[in-house]
Amino acid sequence: MTIEQFEHWSLVLGTSGLMLYMFFIIYKLARESDAPRFGYIALFISLGLGMFGFIAKSVLQEFLKV
């Protein structure tokens, strides 16, 4: 495994792990605030939109090979 491959997989696994942790934090925040179903949806959409943008940017870069 070359250094470039290691760096690539470290970045992918590290950011994926952080995003999963952020989803867990959003879930915990919604659960502790006793939010109804609409509250859960609103929290996940509003706070998860930034992560979705990051993922979409990466997918588009790979798709367009920029």
PDB file of N, CA and C in Angstrom:
ATOM      1  N   MET A   1       0.858  -1.172   0.000  1.00  0.00           N
ATOM      2  CA  MET A   1       0.000   0.000   0.000  1.00  0.00           C
ATOM      3  C   MET A   1       0.899   1.230   0.000  1.00  0.00           C
ATOM      4  N   THR A   2       0.650   2.111  -0.943  1.00  0.00           N
ATOM      5  CA  THR A   2       1.445   3.331  -1.031  1.00  0.00           C
ATOM      6  C   THR A   2       0.909   4.374  -0.052  1.00  0.00           C
ATOM      7  N   ILE A   3       1.678   5.427   0.111  1.00  0.00           N
ATOM      8  CA  ILE A   3       1.273   6.501   1.015  1.00  0.00           C
ATOM      9  C   ILE A   3       0.004   7.171   0.510  1.00  0.00           C
ATOM     10  N   GLU A   4      -0.109   7.345  -0.809  1.00  0.00           N
ATOM     11  CA  GLU A   4      -1.297   7.986  -1.379  1.00  0.00           C
ATOM     12  C   GLU A   4      -2.550   7.159  -1.126  1.00  0.00           C
ATOM     13  N   GLN A   5      -2.431   5.847  -1.277  1.00  0.00           N
ATOM     14  CA  GLN A   5      -3.582   4.972  -1.012  1.00  0.00           C
ATOM     15  C   GLN A   5      -3.970   5.026   0.461  1.00  0.00           C
ATOM     16  N   PHE A   6      -2.977   5.010   1.336  1.00  0.00           N
ATOM     17  CA  PHE A   6      -3.246   5.084   2.766  1.00  0.00           C
ATOM     18  C   PHE A   6      -3.941   6.392   3.119  1.00  0.00           C
ATOM     19  N   GLU A   7      -3.458   7.495   2.559  1.00  0.00           N
ATOM     20  CA  GLU A   7      -4.072   8.794   2.828  1.00  0.00           C
ATOM     21  C   GLU A   7      -5.500   8.849   2.318  1.00  0.00           C
ATOM     22  N   HIS A   8      -5.737   8.284   1.133  1.00  0.00           N
ATOM     23  CA  HIS A   8      -7.085   8.283   0.570  1.00  0.00           C
ATOM     24  C   HIS A   8      -8.049   7.499   1.458  1.00  0.00           C
ATOM     25  N   TRP A   9      -7.658   6.291   1.848  1.00  0.00           N
ATOM     26  CA  TRP A   9      -8.549   5.461   2.667  1.00  0.00           C
ATOM     27  C   TRP A   9      -8.696   6.022   4.071  1.00  0.00           C
ATOM     28  N   SER A  10      -7.656   6.637   4.593  1.00  0.00           N
ATOM     29  CA  SER A  10      -7.768   7.275   5.909  1.00  0.00           C
ATOM     30  C   SER A  10      -8.769   8.418   5.860  1.00  0.00           C
ATOM     31  N   LEU A  11      -8.724   9.209   4.789  1.00  0.00           N
ATOM     32  CA  LEU A  11      -9.660  10.317   4.646  1.00  0.00           C
ATOM     33  C   LEU A  11     -11.086   9.802   4.515  1.00  0.00           C
ATOM     34  N   VAL A  12     -11.286   8.788   3.683  1.00  0.00           N
ATOM     35  CA  VAL A  12     -12.629   8.233   3.478  1.00  0.00           C
ATOM     36  C   VAL A  12     -13.180   7.645   4.772  1.00  0.00           C
ATOM     37  N   LEU A  13     -12.400   6.827   5.443  1.00  0.00           N
ATOM     38  CA  LEU A  13     -12.866   6.190   6.678  1.00  0.00           C
ATOM     39  C   LEU A  13     -13.023   7.201   7.807  1.00  0.00           C
ATOM     40  N   GLY A  14     -12.120   8.161   7.894  1.00  0.00           N
ATOM     41  CA  GLY A  14     -12.207   9.170   8.949  1.00  0.00           C
ATOM     42  C   GLY A  14     -13.436  10.054   8.808  1.00  0.00           C
ATOM     43  N   THR A  15     -13.677  10.565   7.600  1.00  0.00           N
ATOM     44  CA  THR A  15     -14.853  11.418   7.412  1.00  0.00           C
ATOM     45  C   THR A  15     -16.142  10.615   7.531  1.00  0.00           C
ATOM     46  N   SER A  16     -16.128   9.368   7.072  1.00  0.00           N
ATOM     47  CA  SER A  16     -17.332   8.530   7.228  1.00  0.00           C
ATOM     48  C   SER A  16     -17.637   8.286   8.698  1.00  0.00           C
ATOM     49  N   GLY A  17     -16.612   8.000   9.466  1.00  0.00           N
ATOM     50  CA  GLY A  17     -16.800   7.799  10.902  1.00  0.00           C
ATOM     51  C   GLY A  17     -17.311   9.041  11.598  1.00  0.00           C
ATOM     52  N   LEU A  18     -16.773  10.194  11.234  1.00  0.00           N
ATOM     53  CA  LEU A  18     -17.242  11.439  11.833  1.00  0.00           C
ATOM     54  C   LEU A  18     -18.688  11.738  11.453  1.00  0.00           C
ATOM     55  N   MET A  19     -19.061  11.433  10.212  1.00  0.00           N
ATOM     56  CA  MET A  19     -20.446  11.663   9.797  1.00  0.00           C
ATOM     57  C   MET A  19     -21.402  10.738  10.534  1.00  0.00           C
ATOM     58  N   LEU A  20     -21.031   9.486  10.710  1.00  0.00           N
ATOM     59  CA  LEU A  20     -21.876   8.574  11.487  1.00  0.00           C
ATOM     60  C   LEU A  20     -22.014   9.057  12.924  1.00  0.00           C
ATOM     61  N   TYR A  21     -20.923   9.547  13.486  1.00  0.00           N
ATOM     62  CA  TYR A  21     -20.969  10.085  14.845  1.00  0.00           C
ATOM     63  C   TYR A  21     -21.868  11.317  14.919  1.00  0.00           C
ATOM     64  N   MET A  22     -21.820  12.164  13.894  1.00  0.00           N
ATOM     65  CA  MET A  22     -22.677  13.347  13.871  1.00  0.00           C
ATOM     66  C   MET A  22     -24.146  12.952  13.765  1.00  0.00           C
ATOM     67  N   PHE A  23     -24.464  11.910  12.974  1.00  0.00           N
ATOM     68  CA  PHE A  23     -25.844  11.425  12.924  1.00  0.00           C
ATOM     69  C   PHE A  23     -26.280  10.897  14.282  1.00  0.00           C
ATOM     70  N   PHE A  24     -25.383  10.217  14.989  1.00  0.00           N
ATOM     71  CA  PHE A  24     -25.696   9.740  16.333  1.00  0.00           C
ATOM     72  C   PHE A  24     -25.977  10.907  17.271  1.00  0.00           C
ATOM     73  N   ILE A  25     -25.184  11.971  17.166  1.00  0.00           N
ATOM     74  CA  ILE A  25     -25.392  13.154  18.011  1.00  0.00           C
ATOM     75  C   ILE A  25     -26.739  13.797  17.707  1.00  0.00           C
ATOM     76  N   ILE A  26     -27.101  13.890  16.419  1.00  0.00           N
ATOM     77  CA  ILE A  26     -28.399  14.463  16.045  1.00  0.00           C
ATOM     78  C   ILE A  26     -29.527  13.607  16.617  1.00  0.00           C
ATOM     79  N   TYR A  27     -29.393  12.286  16.511  1.00  0.00           N
ATOM     80  CA  TYR A  27     -30.411  11.381  17.052  1.00  0.00           C
ATOM     81  C   TYR A  27     -30.531  11.550  18.570  1.00  0.00           C
ATOM     82  N   LYS A  28     -29.397  11.616  19.240  1.00  0.00           N
ATOM     83  CA  LYS A  28     -29.412  11.770  20.700  1.00  0.00           C
ATOM     84  C   LYS A  28     -30.037  13.104  21.105  1.00  0.00           C
ATOM     85  N   LEU A  29     -29.728  14.151  20.344  1.00  0.00           N
ATOM     86  CA  LEU A  29     -30.312  15.463  20.610  1.00  0.00           C
ATOM     87  C   LEU A  29     -31.827  15.426  20.450  1.00  0.00           C
ATOM     88  N   ALA A  30     -32.310  14.777  19.418  1.00  0.00           N
ATOM     89  CA  ALA A  30     -33.753  14.689  19.198  1.00  0.00           C
ATOM     90  C   ALA A  30     -34.425  13.852  20.287  1.00  0.00           C
ATOM     91  N   ARG A  31     -33.776  12.768  20.685  1.00  0.00           N
ATOM     92  CA  ARG A  31     -34.359  11.894  21.700  1.00  0.00           C
ATOM     93  C   ARG A  31     -34.415  12.585  23.057  1.00  0.00           C
ATOM     94  N   GLU A  32     -33.344  13.300  23.426  1.00  0.00           N
ATOM     95  CA  GLU A  32     -33.309  13.957  24.732  1.00  0.00           C
ATOM     96  C   GLU A  32     -34.249  15.157  24.810  1.00  0.00           C
ATOM     97  N   SER A  33     -34.570  15.751  23.673  1.00  0.00           N
ATOM     98  CA  SER A  33     -35.471  16.903  23.686  1.00  0.00           C
ATOM     99  C   SER A  33     -36.933  16.477  23.576  1.00  0.00           C
ATOM    100  N   ASP A  34     -37.188  15.190  23.543  1.00  0.00           N
ATOM    101  CA  ASP A  34     -38.537  14.632  23.421  1.00  0.00           C
ATOM    102  C   ASP A  34     -39.276  15.216  22.218  1.00  0.00           C
ATOM    103  N   ALA A  35     -38.563  15.292  21.114  1.00  0.00           N
ATOM    104  CA  ALA A  35     -39.146  15.840  19.891  1.00  0.00           C
ATOM    105  C   ALA A  35     -40.112  14.825  19.281  1.00  0.00           C
ATOM    106  N   PRO A  36     -41.227  15.307  18.742  1.00  0.00           N
ATOM    107  CA  PRO A  36     -42.125  14.392  18.035  1.00  0.00           C
ATOM    108  C   PRO A  36     -41.509  13.999  16.688  1.00  0.00           C
ATOM    109  N   ARG A  37     -42.236  13.216  15.914  1.00  0.00           N
ATOM    110  CA  ARG A  37     -41.712  12.715  14.652  1.00  0.00           C
ATOM    111  C   ARG A  37     -41.304  13.859  13.730  1.00  0.00           C
ATOM    112  N   PHE A  38     -42.123  14.912  13.662  1.00  0.00           N
ATOM    113  CA  PHE A  38     -41.778  16.062  12.831  1.00  0.00           C
ATOM    114  C   PHE A  38     -40.494  16.716  13.322  1.00  0.00           C
ATOM    115  N   GLY A  39     -40.274  16.734  14.626  1.00  0.00           N
ATOM    116  CA  GLY A  39     -39.052  17.294  15.182  1.00  0.00           C
ATOM    117  C   GLY A  39     -37.824  16.496  14.773  1.00  0.00           C
ATOM    118  N   TYR A  40     -37.944  15.166  14.796  1.00  0.00           N
ATOM    119  CA  TYR A  40     -36.858  14.309  14.347  1.00  0.00           C
ATOM    120  C   TYR A  40     -36.514  14.617  12.895  1.00  0.00           C
ATOM    121  N   ILE A  41     -37.556  14.694  12.063  1.00  0.00           N
ATOM    122  CA  ILE A  41     -37.339  14.952  10.637  1.00  0.00           C
ATOM    123  C   ILE A  41     -36.700  16.317  10.434  1.00  0.00           C
ATOM    124  N   ALA A  42     -37.196  17.319  11.144  1.00  0.00           N
ATOM    125  CA  ALA A  42     -36.652  18.675  11.004  1.00  0.00           C
ATOM    126  C   ALA A  42     -35.189  18.726  11.435  1.00  0.00           C
ATOM    127  N   LEU A  43     -34.851  18.057  12.533  1.00  0.00           N
ATOM    128  CA  LEU A  43     -33.461  18.049  12.986  1.00  0.00           C
ATOM    129  C   LEU A  43     -32.549  17.350  11.989  1.00  0.00           C
ATOM    130  N   PHE A  44     -32.978  16.196  11.502  1.00  0.00           N
ATOM    131  CA  PHE A  44     -32.126  15.470  10.573  1.00  0.00           C
ATOM    132  C   PHE A  44     -31.977  16.206   9.254  1.00  0.00           C
ATOM    133  N   ILE A  45     -33.037  16.878   8.785  1.00  0.00           N
ATOM    134  CA  ILE A  45     -32.919  17.627   7.532  1.00  0.00           C
ATOM    135  C   ILE A  45     -32.038  18.858   7.731  1.00  0.00           C
ATOM    136  N   SER A  46     -32.300  19.625   8.762  1.00  0.00           N
ATOM    137  CA  SER A  46     -31.562  20.881   8.939  1.00  0.00           C
ATOM    138  C   SER A  46     -30.096  20.633   9.291  1.00  0.00           C
ATOM    139  N   LEU A  47     -29.830  19.719  10.190  1.00  0.00           N
ATOM    140  CA  LEU A  47     -28.451  19.493  10.605  1.00  0.00           C
ATOM    141  C   LEU A  47     -27.713  18.527   9.676  1.00  0.00           C
ATOM    142  N   GLY A  48     -28.443  17.664   9.014  1.00  0.00           N
ATOM    143  CA  GLY A  48     -27.810  16.704   8.112  1.00  0.00           C
ATOM    144  C   GLY A  48     -27.589  17.229   6.712  1.00  0.00           C
ATOM    145  N   LEU A  49     -28.137  18.397   6.393  1.00  0.00           N
ATOM    146  CA  LEU A  49     -28.009  18.942   5.049  1.00  0.00           C
ATOM    147  C   LEU A  49     -26.556  19.279   4.711  1.00  0.00           C
ATOM    148  N   GLY A  50     -25.804  19.730   5.668  1.00  0.00           N
ATOM    149  CA  GLY A  50     -24.391  20.022   5.423  1.00  0.00           C
ATOM    150  C   GLY A  50     -23.603  18.773   5.080  1.00  0.00           C
ATOM    151  N   MET A  51     -23.881  17.678   5.776  1.00  0.00           N
ATOM    152  CA  MET A  51     -23.205  16.421   5.466  1.00  0.00           C
ATOM    153  C   MET A  51     -23.619  15.912   4.085  1.00  0.00           C
ATOM    154  N   PHE A  52     -24.884  16.077   3.739  1.00  0.00           N
ATOM    155  CA  PHE A  52     -25.344  15.667   2.421  1.00  0.00           C
ATOM    156  C   PHE A  52     -24.632  16.462   1.333  1.00  0.00           C
ATOM    157  N   GLY A  53     -24.432  17.749   1.554  1.00  0.00           N
ATOM    158  CA  GLY A  53     -23.719  18.578   0.586  1.00  0.00           C
ATOM    159  C   GLY A  53     -22.290  18.118   0.400  1.00  0.00           C
ATOM    160  N   PHE A  54     -21.633  17.755   1.485  1.00  0.00           N
ATOM    161  CA  PHE A  54     -20.257  17.264   1.404  1.00  0.00           C
ATOM    162  C   PHE A  54     -20.192  15.960   0.613  1.00  0.00           C
ATOM    163  N   ILE A  55     -21.133  15.065   0.867  1.00  0.00           N
ATOM    164  CA  ILE A  55     -21.170  13.790   0.147  1.00  0.00           C
ATOM    165  C   ILE A  55     -21.486  14.017  -1.323  1.00  0.00           C
ATOM    166  N   ALA A  56     -22.450  14.891  -1.603  1.00  0.00           N
ATOM    167  CA  ALA A  56     -22.824  15.169  -2.990  1.00  0.00           C
ATOM    168  C   ALA A  56     -21.662  15.785  -3.757  1.00  0.00           C
ATOM    169  N   LYS A  57     -20.912  16.654  -3.116  1.00  0.00           N
ATOM    170  CA  LYS A  57     -19.752  17.267  -3.768  1.00  0.00           C
ATOM    171  C   LYS A  57     -18.723  16.208  -4.134  1.00  0.00           C
ATOM    172  N   SER A  58     -18.465  15.291  -3.235  1.00  0.00           N
ATOM    173  CA  SER A  58     -17.492  14.235  -3.499  1.00  0.00           C
ATOM    174  C   SER A  58     -17.960  13.319  -4.629  1.00  0.00           C
ATOM    175  N   VAL A  59     -19.244  12.987  -4.628  1.00  0.00           N
ATOM    176  CA  VAL A  59     -19.784  12.123  -5.681  1.00  0.00           C
ATOM    177  C   VAL A  59     -19.707  12.823  -7.033  1.00  0.00           C
ATOM    178  N   LEU A  60     -20.066  14.092  -7.072  1.00  0.00           N
ATOM    179  CA  LEU A  60     -19.995  14.835  -8.326  1.00  0.00           C
ATOM    180  C   LEU A  60     -18.566  14.966  -8.831  1.00  0.00           C
ATOM    181  N   GLN A  61     -17.610  15.173  -7.943  1.00  0.00           N
ATOM    182  CA  GLN A  61     -16.222  15.253  -8.366  1.00  0.00           C
ATOM    183  C   GLN A  61     -15.753  13.936  -8.976  1.00  0.00           C
ATOM    184  N   GLU A  62     -16.145  12.824  -8.380  1.00  0.00           N
ATOM    185  CA  GLU A  62     -15.769  11.535  -8.924  1.00  0.00           C
ATOM    186  C   GLU A  62     -16.462  11.275 -10.249  1.00  0.00           C
ATOM    187  N   PHE A  63     -17.715  11.681 -10.341  1.00  0.00           N
ATOM    188  CA  PHE A  63     -18.488  11.454 -11.554  1.00  0.00           C
ATOM    189  C   PHE A  63     -17.950  12.296 -12.709  1.00  0.00           C
ATOM    190  N   LEU A  64     -17.578  13.530 -12.422  1.00  0.00           N
ATOM    191  CA  LEU A  64     -17.074  14.424 -13.471  1.00  0.00           C
ATOM    192  C   LEU A  64     -15.570  14.336 -13.654  1.00  0.00           C
ATOM    193  N   LYS A  65     -14.876  13.644 -12.761  1.00  0.00           N
ATOM    194  CA  LYS A  65     -13.415  13.475 -12.796  1.00  0.00           C
ATOM    195  C   LYS A  65     -12.685  14.813 -12.873  1.00  0.00           C
ATOM    196  N   VAL A  66     -13.012  15.679 -11.931  1.00  0.00           N
ATOM    197  CA  VAL A  66     -12.377  17.004 -11.901  1.00  0.00           C
ATOM    198  C   VAL A  66     -11.053  16.907 -11.210  1.00  0.00           C
TER     199      VAL A  66
END
